[in-house]
Amino acid sequence: MVLLFASFLSLLTTVYGLTLSLQQVNNWSTSSTDPTSAPTSTAASSTAGSTSTAALPVSSAPAAVTVPHWGQCGGLTWSGPTVCGAPFTCTESSSPYYWECL
């Protein structure tokens, strides 16, 4: 448990530049055995002259799913992906129920 917490603390320090004193860590880790209770002291102090770290990019949109060559990309009642991978375009095949990437 202590190793897991130390790894988490290291991650916070790396990503956010946070620094907690050893006393704050000990108070938090021994304050309660109930995992639902909040720590009594969560204040983090920043150190003067600390180096800044770049924030990780966060994307709110999921990666676009593209349909490969010959894959179905549309048609009546189709509910799957509709964007073809380059350089293909979604083209109506023999019926209005089946469109494919050509």
PDB file of N, CA and C in Angstrom:
ATOM      1  N   MET A   1       0.831  -1.192   0.000  1.00  0.00           N
ATOM      2  CA  MET A   1       0.000   0.000   0.000  1.00  0.00           C
ATOM      3  C   MET A   1       0.870   1.249   0.000  1.00  0.00           C
ATOM      4  N   VAL A   2       1.935   1.227   0.793  1.00  0.00           N
ATOM      5  CA  VAL A   2       2.821   2.385   0.866  1.00  0.00           C
ATOM      6  C   VAL A   2       3.526   2.579  -0.473  1.00  0.00           C
ATOM      7  N   LEU A   3       3.930   1.477  -1.119  1.00  0.00           N
ATOM      8  CA  LEU A   3       4.591   1.575  -2.416  1.00  0.00           C
ATOM      9  C   LEU A   3       3.646   2.147  -3.468  1.00  0.00           C
ATOM     10  N   LEU A   4       2.398   1.722  -3.429  1.00  0.00           N
ATOM     11  CA  LEU A   4       1.402   2.246  -4.365  1.00  0.00           C
ATOM     12  C   LEU A   4       1.204   3.744  -4.149  1.00  0.00           C
ATOM     13  N   PHE A   5       1.116   4.146  -2.894  1.00  0.00           N
ATOM     14  CA  PHE A   5       0.948   5.565  -2.590  1.00  0.00           C
ATOM     15  C   PHE A   5       2.172   6.362  -3.024  1.00  0.00           C
ATOM     16  N   ALA A   6       3.356   5.810  -2.809  1.00  0.00           N
ATOM     17  CA  ALA A   6       4.583   6.500  -3.216  1.00  0.00           C
ATOM     18  C   ALA A   6       4.626   6.672  -4.731  1.00  0.00           C
ATOM     19  N   SER A   7       4.181   5.669  -5.463  1.00  0.00           N
ATOM     20  CA  SER A   7       4.132   5.771  -6.926  1.00  0.00           C
ATOM     21  C   SER A   7       3.145   6.842  -7.354  1.00  0.00           C
ATOM     22  N   PHE A   8       1.993   6.877  -6.690  1.00  0.00           N
ATOM     23  CA  PHE A   8       0.980   7.887  -6.995  1.00  0.00           C
ATOM     24  C   PHE A   8       1.513   9.283  -6.692  1.00  0.00           C
ATOM     25  N   LEU A   9       2.177   9.436  -5.573  1.00  0.00           N
ATOM     26  CA  LEU A   9       2.743  10.723  -5.193  1.00  0.00           C
ATOM     27  C   LEU A   9       3.797  11.160  -6.198  1.00  0.00           C
ATOM     28  N   SER A  10       4.601  10.224  -6.659  1.00  0.00           N
ATOM     29  CA  SER A  10       5.612  10.528  -7.665  1.00  0.00           C
ATOM     30  C   SER A  10       4.967  10.996  -8.961  1.00  0.00           C
ATOM     31  N   LEU A  11       3.871  10.354  -9.347  1.00  0.00           N
ATOM     32  CA  LEU A  11       3.145  10.753 -10.551  1.00  0.00           C
ATOM     33  C   LEU A  11       2.589  12.164 -10.405  1.00  0.00           C
ATOM     34  N   LEU A  12       1.992  12.471  -9.252  1.00  0.00           N
ATOM     35  CA  LEU A  12       1.471  13.822  -9.022  1.00  0.00           C
ATOM     36  C   LEU A  12       2.582  14.859  -9.092  1.00  0.00           C
ATOM     37  N   THR A  13       3.718  14.530  -8.520  1.00  0.00           N
ATOM     38  CA  THR A  13       4.844  15.454  -8.530  1.00  0.00           C
ATOM     39  C   THR A  13       5.320  15.691  -9.954  1.00  0.00           C
ATOM     40  N   THR A  14       5.387  14.626 -10.743  1.00  0.00           N
ATOM     41  CA  THR A  14       5.853  14.743 -12.122  1.00  0.00           C
ATOM     42  C   THR A  14       4.873  15.517 -12.984  1.00  0.00           C
ATOM     43  N   VAL A  15       3.591  15.201 -12.890  1.00  0.00           N
ATOM     44  CA  VAL A  15       2.597  15.801 -13.772  1.00  0.00           C
ATOM     45  C   VAL A  15       2.199  17.200 -13.330  1.00  0.00           C
ATOM     46  N   TYR A  16       1.959  17.395 -12.048  1.00  0.00           N
ATOM     47  CA  TYR A  16       1.421  18.668 -11.572  1.00  0.00           C
ATOM     48  C   TYR A  16       2.425  19.531 -10.820  1.00  0.00           C
ATOM     49  N   GLY A  17       3.595  19.026 -10.542  1.00  0.00           N
ATOM     50  CA  GLY A  17       4.576  19.793  -9.802  1.00  0.00           C
ATOM     51  C   GLY A  17       4.207  19.971  -8.342  1.00  0.00           C
ATOM     52  N   LEU A  18       3.415  19.057  -7.779  1.00  0.00           N
ATOM     53  CA  LEU A  18       2.990  19.162  -6.386  1.00  0.00           C
ATOM     54  C   LEU A  18       4.066  18.602  -5.467  1.00  0.00           C
ATOM     55  N   THR A  19       4.163  19.183  -4.301  1.00  0.00           N
ATOM     56  CA  THR A  19       5.087  18.682  -3.300  1.00  0.00           C
ATOM     57  C   THR A  19       4.351  18.595  -1.974  1.00  0.00           C
ATOM     58  N   LEU A  20       4.361  17.432  -1.366  1.00  0.00           N
ATOM     59  CA  LEU A  20       3.762  17.242  -0.049  1.00  0.00           C
ATOM     60  C   LEU A  20       4.877  16.937   0.933  1.00  0.00           C
ATOM     61  N   SER A  21       4.735  17.442   2.142  1.00  0.00           N
ATOM     62  CA  SER A  21       5.738  17.133   3.146  1.00  0.00           C
ATOM     63  C   SER A  21       5.542  15.708   3.632  1.00  0.00           C
ATOM     64  N   LEU A  22       6.587  15.123   4.174  1.00  0.00           N
ATOM     65  CA  LEU A  22       6.506  13.762   4.697  1.00  0.00           C
ATOM     66  C   LEU A  22       5.480  13.683   5.817  1.00  0.00           C
ATOM     67  N   GLN A  23       5.364  14.740   6.620  1.00  0.00           N
ATOM     68  CA  GLN A  23       4.372  14.755   7.695  1.00  0.00           C
ATOM     69  C   GLN A  23       2.957  14.712   7.125  1.00  0.00           C
ATOM     70  N   GLN A  24       2.686  15.442   6.053  1.00  0.00           N
ATOM     71  CA  GLN A  24       1.366  15.412   5.432  1.00  0.00           C
ATOM     72  C   GLN A  24       1.051  14.023   4.899  1.00  0.00           C
ATOM     73  N   VAL A  25       2.038  13.373   4.309  1.00  0.00           N
ATOM     74  CA  VAL A  25       1.836  12.024   3.780  1.00  0.00           C
ATOM     75  C   VAL A  25       1.551  11.058   4.912  1.00  0.00           C
ATOM     76  N   ASN A  26       2.329  11.131   5.986  1.00  0.00           N
ATOM     77  CA  ASN A  26       2.113  10.231   7.119  1.00  0.00           C
ATOM     78  C   ASN A  26       0.765  10.477   7.771  1.00  0.00           C
ATOM     79  N   ASN A  27       0.374  11.736   7.933  1.00  0.00           N
ATOM     80  CA  ASN A  27      -0.930  12.043   8.518  1.00  0.00           C
ATOM     81  C   ASN A  27      -2.050  11.488   7.662  1.00  0.00           C
ATOM     82  N   TRP A  28      -1.909  11.627   6.360  1.00  0.00           N
ATOM     83  CA  TRP A  28      -2.963  11.143   5.464  1.00  0.00           C
ATOM     84  C   TRP A  28      -3.039   9.623   5.473  1.00  0.00           C
ATOM     85  N   SER A  29      -1.896   8.953   5.408  1.00  0.00           N
ATOM     86  CA  SER A  29      -1.921   7.498   5.285  1.00  0.00           C
ATOM     87  C   SER A  29      -2.298   6.800   6.582  1.00  0.00           C
ATOM     88  N   THR A  30      -2.158   7.470   7.729  1.00  0.00           N
ATOM     89  CA  THR A  30      -2.502   6.831   9.000  1.00  0.00           C
ATOM     90  C   THR A  30      -3.753   7.408   9.631  1.00  0.00           C
ATOM     91  N   SER A  31      -4.398   8.370   8.983  1.00  0.00           N
ATOM     92  CA  SER A  31      -5.537   9.036   9.606  1.00  0.00           C
ATOM     93  C   SER A  31      -6.753   8.142   9.723  1.00  0.00           C
ATOM     94  N   SER A  32      -6.943   7.212   8.808  1.00  0.00           N
ATOM     95  CA  SER A  32      -8.137   6.380   8.850  1.00  0.00           C
ATOM     96  C   SER A  32      -7.920   5.127   8.028  1.00  0.00           C
ATOM     97  N   THR A  33      -8.560   4.053   8.448  1.00  0.00           N
ATOM     98  CA  THR A  33      -8.516   2.831   7.650  1.00  0.00           C
ATOM     99  C   THR A  33      -9.750   2.708   6.785  1.00  0.00           C
ATOM    100  N   ASP A  34     -10.687   3.640   6.922  1.00  0.00           N
ATOM    101  CA  ASP A  34     -11.906   3.632   6.113  1.00  0.00           C
ATOM    102  C   ASP A  34     -11.587   4.226   4.745  1.00  0.00           C
ATOM    103  N   PRO A  35     -11.684   3.441   3.659  1.00  0.00           N
ATOM    104  CA  PRO A  35     -11.312   3.958   2.340  1.00  0.00           C
ATOM    105  C   PRO A  35     -12.262   5.030   1.816  1.00  0.00           C
ATOM    106  N   THR A  36     -13.424   5.209   2.434  1.00  0.00           N
ATOM    107  CA  THR A  36     -14.367   6.217   1.950  1.00  0.00           C
ATOM    108  C   THR A  36     -14.185   7.558   2.620  1.00  0.00           C
ATOM    109  N   SER A  37     -13.401   7.619   3.692  1.00  0.00           N
ATOM    110  CA  SER A  37     -13.223   8.898   4.370  1.00  0.00           C
ATOM    111  C   SER A  37     -12.161   9.721   3.655  1.00  0.00           C
ATOM    112  N   ALA A  38     -12.360  11.021   3.668  1.00  0.00           N
ATOM    113  CA  ALA A  38     -11.428  11.930   3.012  1.00  0.00           C
ATOM    114  C   ALA A  38     -10.279  12.238   3.954  1.00  0.00           C
ATOM    115  N   PRO A  39      -9.116  12.533   3.432  1.00  0.00           N
ATOM    116  CA  PRO A  39      -7.998  12.919   4.293  1.00  0.00           C
ATOM    117  C   PRO A  39      -8.298  14.248   4.981  1.00  0.00           C
ATOM    118  N   THR A  40      -7.749  14.412   6.186  1.00  0.00           N
ATOM    119  CA  THR A  40      -8.029  15.621   6.944  1.00  0.00           C
ATOM    120  C   THR A  40      -7.213  16.799   6.452  1.00  0.00           C
ATOM    121  N   SER A  41      -6.059  16.562   5.885  1.00  0.00           N
ATOM    122  CA  SER A  41      -5.224  17.644   5.387  1.00  0.00           C
ATOM    123  C   SER A  41      -4.790  17.308   3.971  1.00  0.00           C
ATOM    124  N   THR A  42      -5.253  18.109   3.024  1.00  0.00           N
ATOM    125  CA  THR A  42      -4.898  17.834   1.634  1.00  0.00           C
ATOM    126  C   THR A  42      -4.160  18.996   0.995  1.00  0.00           C
ATOM    127  N   ALA A  43      -3.733  19.953   1.810  1.00  0.00           N
ATOM    128  CA  ALA A  43      -3.067  21.120   1.250  1.00  0.00           C
ATOM    129  C   ALA A  43      -1.711  20.733   0.688  1.00  0.00           C
ATOM    130  N   ALA A  44      -1.443  21.207  -0.491  1.00  0.00           N
ATOM    131  CA  ALA A  44      -0.147  20.975  -1.114  1.00  0.00           C
ATOM    132  C   ALA A  44       0.545  22.320  -1.258  1.00  0.00           C
ATOM    133  N   SER A  45       1.802  22.339  -0.950  1.00  0.00           N
ATOM    134  CA  SER A  45       2.534  23.587  -1.081  1.00  0.00           C
ATOM    135  C   SER A  45       3.441  23.493  -2.293  1.00  0.00           C
ATOM    136  N   SER A  46       3.561  24.593  -2.993  1.00  0.00           N
ATOM    137  CA  SER A  46       4.471  24.593  -4.132  1.00  0.00           C
ATOM    138  C   SER A  46       5.816  25.106  -3.649  1.00  0.00           C
ATOM    139  N   THR A  47       6.859  24.644  -4.275  1.00  0.00           N
ATOM    140  CA  THR A  47       8.185  25.075  -3.879  1.00  0.00           C
ATOM    141  C   THR A  47       8.665  26.152  -4.826  1.00  0.00           C
ATOM    142  N   ALA A  48       9.375  27.107  -4.273  1.00  0.00           N
ATOM    143  CA  ALA A  48       9.913  28.186  -5.093  1.00  0.00           C
ATOM    144  C   ALA A  48      11.006  27.626  -5.986  1.00  0.00           C
ATOM    145  N   GLY A  49      11.007  28.068  -7.219  1.00  0.00           N
ATOM    146  CA  GLY A  49      12.040  27.636  -8.145  1.00  0.00           C
ATOM    147  C   GLY A  49      11.808  26.248  -8.706  1.00  0.00           C
ATOM    148  N   SER A  50      10.627  25.723  -8.547  1.00  0.00           N
ATOM    149  CA  SER A  50      10.373  24.384  -9.076  1.00  0.00           C
ATOM    150  C   SER A  50      10.270  24.456 -10.591  1.00  0.00           C
ATOM    151  N   THR A  51      10.637  23.387 -11.217  1.00  0.00           N
ATOM    152  CA  THR A  51      10.567  23.357 -12.675  1.00  0.00           C
ATOM    153  C   THR A  51       9.151  23.054 -13.110  1.00  0.00           C
ATOM    154  N   SER A  52       8.758  23.650 -14.207  1.00  0.00           N
ATOM    155  CA  SER A  52       7.411  23.400 -14.707  1.00  0.00           C
ATOM    156  C   SER A  52       7.434  22.184 -15.623  1.00  0.00           C
ATOM    157  N   THR A  53       6.323  21.482 -15.636  1.00  0.00           N
ATOM    158  CA  THR A  53       6.206  20.323 -16.513  1.00  0.00           C
ATOM    159  C   THR A  53       5.085  20.578 -17.494  1.00  0.00           C
ATOM    160  N   ALA A  54       5.233  20.061 -18.675  1.00  0.00           N
ATOM    161  CA  ALA A  54       4.209  20.245 -19.702  1.00  0.00           C
ATOM    162  C   ALA A  54       3.014  19.361 -19.391  1.00  0.00           C
ATOM    163  N   ALA A  55       1.833  19.902 -19.604  1.00  0.00           N
ATOM    164  CA  ALA A  55       0.612  19.128 -19.385  1.00  0.00           C
ATOM    165  C   ALA A  55       0.441  18.131 -20.522  1.00  0.00           C
ATOM    166  N   LEU A  56      -0.103  16.986 -20.190  1.00  0.00           N
ATOM    167  CA  LEU A  56      -0.369  15.983 -21.207  1.00  0.00           C
ATOM    168  C   LEU A  56      -1.565  16.411 -22.038  1.00  0.00           C
ATOM    169  N   PRO A  57      -1.527  16.193 -23.351  1.00  0.00           N
ATOM    170  CA  PRO A  57      -2.677  16.578 -24.172  1.00  0.00           C
ATOM    171  C   PRO A  57      -3.882  15.708 -23.854  1.00  0.00           C
ATOM    172  N   VAL A  58      -5.043  16.339 -23.807  1.00  0.00           N
ATOM    173  CA  VAL A  58      -6.274  15.620 -23.510  1.00  0.00           C
ATOM    174  C   VAL A  58      -7.226  15.831 -24.670  1.00  0.00           C
ATOM    175  N   SER A  59      -7.723  14.748 -25.208  1.00  0.00           N
ATOM    176  CA  SER A  59      -8.667  14.831 -26.313  1.00  0.00           C
ATOM    177  C   SER A  59     -10.027  14.407 -25.804  1.00  0.00           C
ATOM    178  N   SER A  60     -11.034  15.249 -26.027  1.00  0.00           N
ATOM    179  CA  SER A  60     -12.373  14.901 -25.576  1.00  0.00           C
ATOM    180  C   SER A  60     -13.109  14.060 -26.603  1.00  0.00           C
ATOM    181  N   ALA A  61     -12.635  14.053 -27.832  1.00  0.00           N
ATOM    182  CA  ALA A  61     -13.297  13.278 -28.884  1.00  0.00           C
ATOM    183  C   ALA A  61     -12.603  11.927 -29.050  1.00  0.00           C
ATOM    184  N   PRO A  62     -13.378  10.871 -29.211  1.00  0.00           N
ATOM    185  CA  PRO A  62     -12.747   9.573 -29.439  1.00  0.00           C
ATOM    186  C   PRO A  62     -12.083   9.547 -30.812  1.00  0.00           C
ATOM    187  N   ALA A  63     -11.142   8.651 -30.980  1.00  0.00           N
ATOM    188  CA  ALA A  63     -10.478   8.520 -32.268  1.00  0.00           C
ATOM    189  C   ALA A  63     -11.496   8.129 -33.335  1.00  0.00           C
ATOM    190  N   ALA A  64     -11.385   8.759 -34.504  1.00  0.00           N
ATOM    191  CA  ALA A  64     -12.335   8.488 -35.584  1.00  0.00           C
ATOM    192  C   ALA A  64     -12.119   7.077 -36.127  1.00  0.00           C
ATOM    193  N   VAL A  65     -13.205   6.368 -36.321  1.00  0.00           N
ATOM    194  CA  VAL A  65     -13.142   5.034 -36.900  1.00  0.00           C
ATOM    195  C   VAL A  65     -13.353   5.183 -38.393  1.00  0.00           C
ATOM    196  N   THR A  66     -12.422   4.666 -39.181  1.00  0.00           N
ATOM    197  CA  THR A  66     -12.572   4.729 -40.628  1.00  0.00           C
ATOM    198  C   THR A  66     -12.790   3.330 -41.168  1.00  0.00           C
ATOM    199  N   VAL A  67     -13.571   3.266 -42.218  1.00  0.00           N
ATOM    200  CA  VAL A  67     -13.903   1.993 -42.848  1.00  0.00           C
ATOM    201  C   VAL A  67     -12.841   1.696 -43.907  1.00  0.00           C
ATOM    202  N   PRO A  68     -12.318   0.476 -43.952  1.00  0.00           N
ATOM    203  CA  PRO A  68     -11.298   0.134 -44.948  1.00  0.00           C
ATOM    204  C   PRO A  68     -11.908  -0.084 -46.337  1.00  0.00           C
ATOM    205  N   HIS A  69     -11.048  -0.205 -47.328  1.00  0.00           N
ATOM    206  CA  HIS A  69     -11.476  -0.479 -48.704  1.00  0.00           C
ATOM    207  C   HIS A  69     -12.363  -1.717 -48.736  1.00  0.00           C
ATOM    208  N   TRP A  70     -13.459  -1.666 -49.443  1.00  0.00           N
ATOM    209  CA  TRP A  70     -14.466  -2.711 -49.597  1.00  0.00           C
ATOM    210  C   TRP A  70     -15.370  -2.867 -48.369  1.00  0.00           C
ATOM    211  N   GLY A  71     -15.158  -2.120 -47.324  1.00  0.00           N
ATOM    212  CA  GLY A  71     -15.988  -2.234 -46.125  1.00  0.00           C
ATOM    213  C   GLY A  71     -17.297  -1.483 -46.263  1.00  0.00           C
ATOM    214  N   GLN A  72     -18.313  -1.911 -45.503  1.00  0.00           N
ATOM    215  CA  GLN A  72     -19.606  -1.226 -45.539  1.00  0.00           C
ATOM    216  C   GLN A  72     -19.496   0.089 -44.790  1.00  0.00           C
ATOM    217  N   CYS A  73     -20.002   1.141 -45.422  1.00  0.00           N
ATOM    218  CA  CYS A  73     -19.911   2.470 -44.829  1.00  0.00           C
ATOM    219  C   CYS A  73     -21.258   3.177 -44.763  1.00  0.00           C
ATOM    220  N   GLY A  74     -22.324   2.517 -45.196  1.00  0.00           N
ATOM    221  CA  GLY A  74     -23.615   3.171 -45.150  1.00  0.00           C
ATOM    222  C   GLY A  74     -24.697   2.334 -45.788  1.00  0.00           C
ATOM    223  N   GLY A  75     -25.862   2.943 -45.908  1.00  0.00           N
ATOM    224  CA  GLY A  75     -27.025   2.292 -46.480  1.00  0.00           C
ATOM    225  C   GLY A  75     -28.210   2.454 -45.541  1.00  0.00           C
ATOM    226  N   LEU A  76     -29.385   2.142 -46.049  1.00  0.00           N
ATOM    227  CA  LEU A  76     -30.587   2.214 -45.220  1.00  0.00           C
ATOM    228  C   LEU A  76     -30.433   1.280 -44.029  1.00  0.00           C
ATOM    229  N   THR A  77     -30.783   1.725 -42.866  1.00  0.00           N
ATOM    230  CA  THR A  77     -30.696   1.032 -41.570  1.00  0.00           C
ATOM    231  C   THR A  77     -29.261   0.820 -41.083  1.00  0.00           C
ATOM    232  N   TRP A  78     -28.243   1.328 -41.776  1.00  0.00           N
ATOM    233  CA  TRP A  78     -26.854   1.154 -41.332  1.00  0.00           C
ATOM    234  C   TRP A  78     -26.582   2.071 -40.149  1.00  0.00           C
ATOM    235  N   SER A  79     -25.996   1.522 -39.078  1.00  0.00           N
ATOM    236  CA  SER A  79     -25.702   2.335 -37.897  1.00  0.00           C
ATOM    237  C   SER A  79     -24.222   2.304 -37.533  1.00  0.00           C
ATOM    238  N   GLY A  80     -23.394   1.741 -38.403  1.00  0.00           N
ATOM    239  CA  GLY A  80     -21.958   1.657 -38.136  1.00  0.00           C
ATOM    240  C   GLY A  80     -21.212   2.886 -38.622  1.00  0.00           C
ATOM    241  N   PRO A  81     -19.881   2.780 -38.687  1.00  0.00           N
ATOM    242  CA  PRO A  81     -19.071   3.913 -39.137  1.00  0.00           C
ATOM    243  C   PRO A  81     -19.360   4.264 -40.594  1.00  0.00           C
ATOM    244  N   THR A  82     -19.238   5.538 -40.920  1.00  0.00           N
ATOM    245  CA  THR A  82     -19.587   6.013 -42.262  1.00  0.00           C
ATOM    246  C   THR A  82     -18.450   6.746 -42.960  1.00  0.00           C
ATOM    247  N   VAL A  83     -17.293   6.829 -42.351  1.00  0.00           N
ATOM    248  CA  VAL A  83     -16.169   7.547 -42.945  1.00  0.00           C
ATOM    249  C   VAL A  83     -15.169   6.537 -43.487  1.00  0.00           C
ATOM    250  N   CYS A  84     -14.864   6.655 -44.776  1.00  0.00           N
ATOM    251  CA  CYS A  84     -13.903   5.754 -45.417  1.00  0.00           C
ATOM    252  C   CYS A  84     -12.483   6.258 -45.202  1.00  0.00           C
ATOM    253  N   GLY A  85     -11.558   5.312 -45.099  1.00  0.00           N
ATOM    254  CA  GLY A  85     -10.154   5.675 -45.028  1.00  0.00           C
ATOM    255  C   GLY A  85      -9.698   6.230 -46.369  1.00  0.00           C
ATOM    256  N   ALA A  86      -8.714   7.127 -46.332  1.00  0.00           N
ATOM    257  CA  ALA A  86      -8.212   7.745 -47.564  1.00  0.00           C
ATOM    258  C   ALA A  86      -7.595   6.673 -48.457  1.00  0.00           C
ATOM    259  N   PRO A  87      -7.736   6.746 -49.704  1.00  0.00           N
ATOM    260  CA  PRO A  87      -8.372   7.742 -50.568  1.00  0.00           C
ATOM    261  C   PRO A  87      -9.778   7.330 -51.000  1.00  0.00           C
ATOM    262  N   PHE A  88     -10.423   6.442 -50.267  1.00  0.00           N
ATOM    263  CA  PHE A  88     -11.696   5.859 -50.694  1.00  0.00           C
ATOM    264  C   PHE A  88     -12.886   6.744 -50.318  1.00  0.00           C
ATOM    265  N   THR A  89     -13.990   6.551 -51.057  1.00  0.00           N
ATOM    266  CA  THR A  89     -15.224   7.276 -50.770  1.00  0.00           C
ATOM    267  C   THR A  89     -16.364   6.287 -50.629  1.00  0.00           C
ATOM    268  N   CYS A  90     -17.349   6.650 -49.835  1.00  0.00           N
ATOM    269  CA  CYS A  90     -18.505   5.792 -49.593  1.00  0.00           C
ATOM    270  C   CYS A  90     -19.434   5.880 -50.806  1.00  0.00           C
ATOM    271  N   THR A  91     -19.628   4.748 -51.461  1.00  0.00           N
ATOM    272  CA  THR A  91     -20.369   4.702 -52.719  1.00  0.00           C
ATOM    273  C   THR A  91     -21.493   3.685 -52.627  1.00  0.00           C
ATOM    274  N   GLU A  92     -22.672   4.055 -53.165  1.00  0.00           N
ATOM    275  CA  GLU A  92     -23.808   3.128 -53.153  1.00  0.00           C
ATOM    276  C   GLU A  92     -23.485   1.925 -54.027  1.00  0.00           C
ATOM    277  N   SER A  93     -23.696   0.756 -53.466  1.00  0.00           N
ATOM    278  CA  SER A  93     -23.491  -0.479 -54.215  1.00  0.00           C
ATOM    279  C   SER A  93     -24.820  -0.882 -54.838  1.00  0.00           C
ATOM    280  N   SER A  94     -25.040  -2.136 -55.092  1.00  0.00           N
ATOM    281  CA  SER A  94     -26.196  -2.600 -55.854  1.00  0.00           C
ATOM    282  C   SER A  94     -27.553  -2.285 -55.237  1.00  0.00           C
ATOM    283  N   SER A  95     -27.633  -1.993 -53.972  1.00  0.00           N
ATOM    284  CA  SER A  95     -28.930  -1.685 -53.370  1.00  0.00           C
ATOM    285  C   SER A  95     -28.790  -0.504 -52.420  1.00  0.00           C
ATOM    286  N   PRO A  96     -29.901   0.141 -52.065  1.00  0.00           N
ATOM    287  CA  PRO A  96     -29.807   1.271 -51.131  1.00  0.00           C
ATOM    288  C   PRO A  96     -29.465   0.819 -49.706  1.00  0.00           C
ATOM    289  N   TYR A  97     -29.443  -0.482 -49.466  1.00  0.00           N
ATOM    290  CA  TYR A  97     -29.123  -0.992 -48.135  1.00  0.00           C
ATOM    291  C   TYR A  97     -27.630  -1.222 -47.934  1.00  0.00           C
ATOM    292  N   TYR A  98     -26.835  -1.121 -48.986  1.00  0.00           N
ATOM    293  CA  TYR A  98     -25.408  -1.412 -48.852  1.00  0.00           C
ATOM    294  C   TYR A  98     -24.579  -0.384 -49.610  1.00  0.00           C
ATOM    295  N   TRP A  99     -23.793   0.383 -48.881  1.00  0.00           N
ATOM    296  CA  TRP A  99     -22.827   1.308 -49.448  1.00  0.00           C
ATOM    297  C   TRP A  99     -21.458   0.820 -49.000  1.00  0.00           C
ATOM    298  N   GLU A 100     -20.445   0.950 -49.863  1.00  0.00           N
ATOM    299  CA  GLU A 100     -19.114   0.469 -49.506  1.00  0.00           C
ATOM    300  C   GLU A 100     -18.040   1.467 -49.894  1.00  0.00           C
ATOM    301  N   CYS A 101     -16.895   1.310 -49.263  1.00  0.00           N
ATOM    302  CA  CYS A 101     -15.763   2.198 -49.537  1.00  0.00           C
ATOM    303  C   CYS A 101     -15.037   1.725 -50.790  1.00  0.00           C
ATOM    304  N   LEU A 102     -15.094   2.551 -51.818  1.00  0.00           N
ATOM    305  CA  LEU A 102     -14.426   2.232 -53.091  1.00  0.00           C
ATOM    306  C   LEU A 102     -13.468   3.346 -53.460  1.00  0.00           C
TER     307      LEU A 102
END
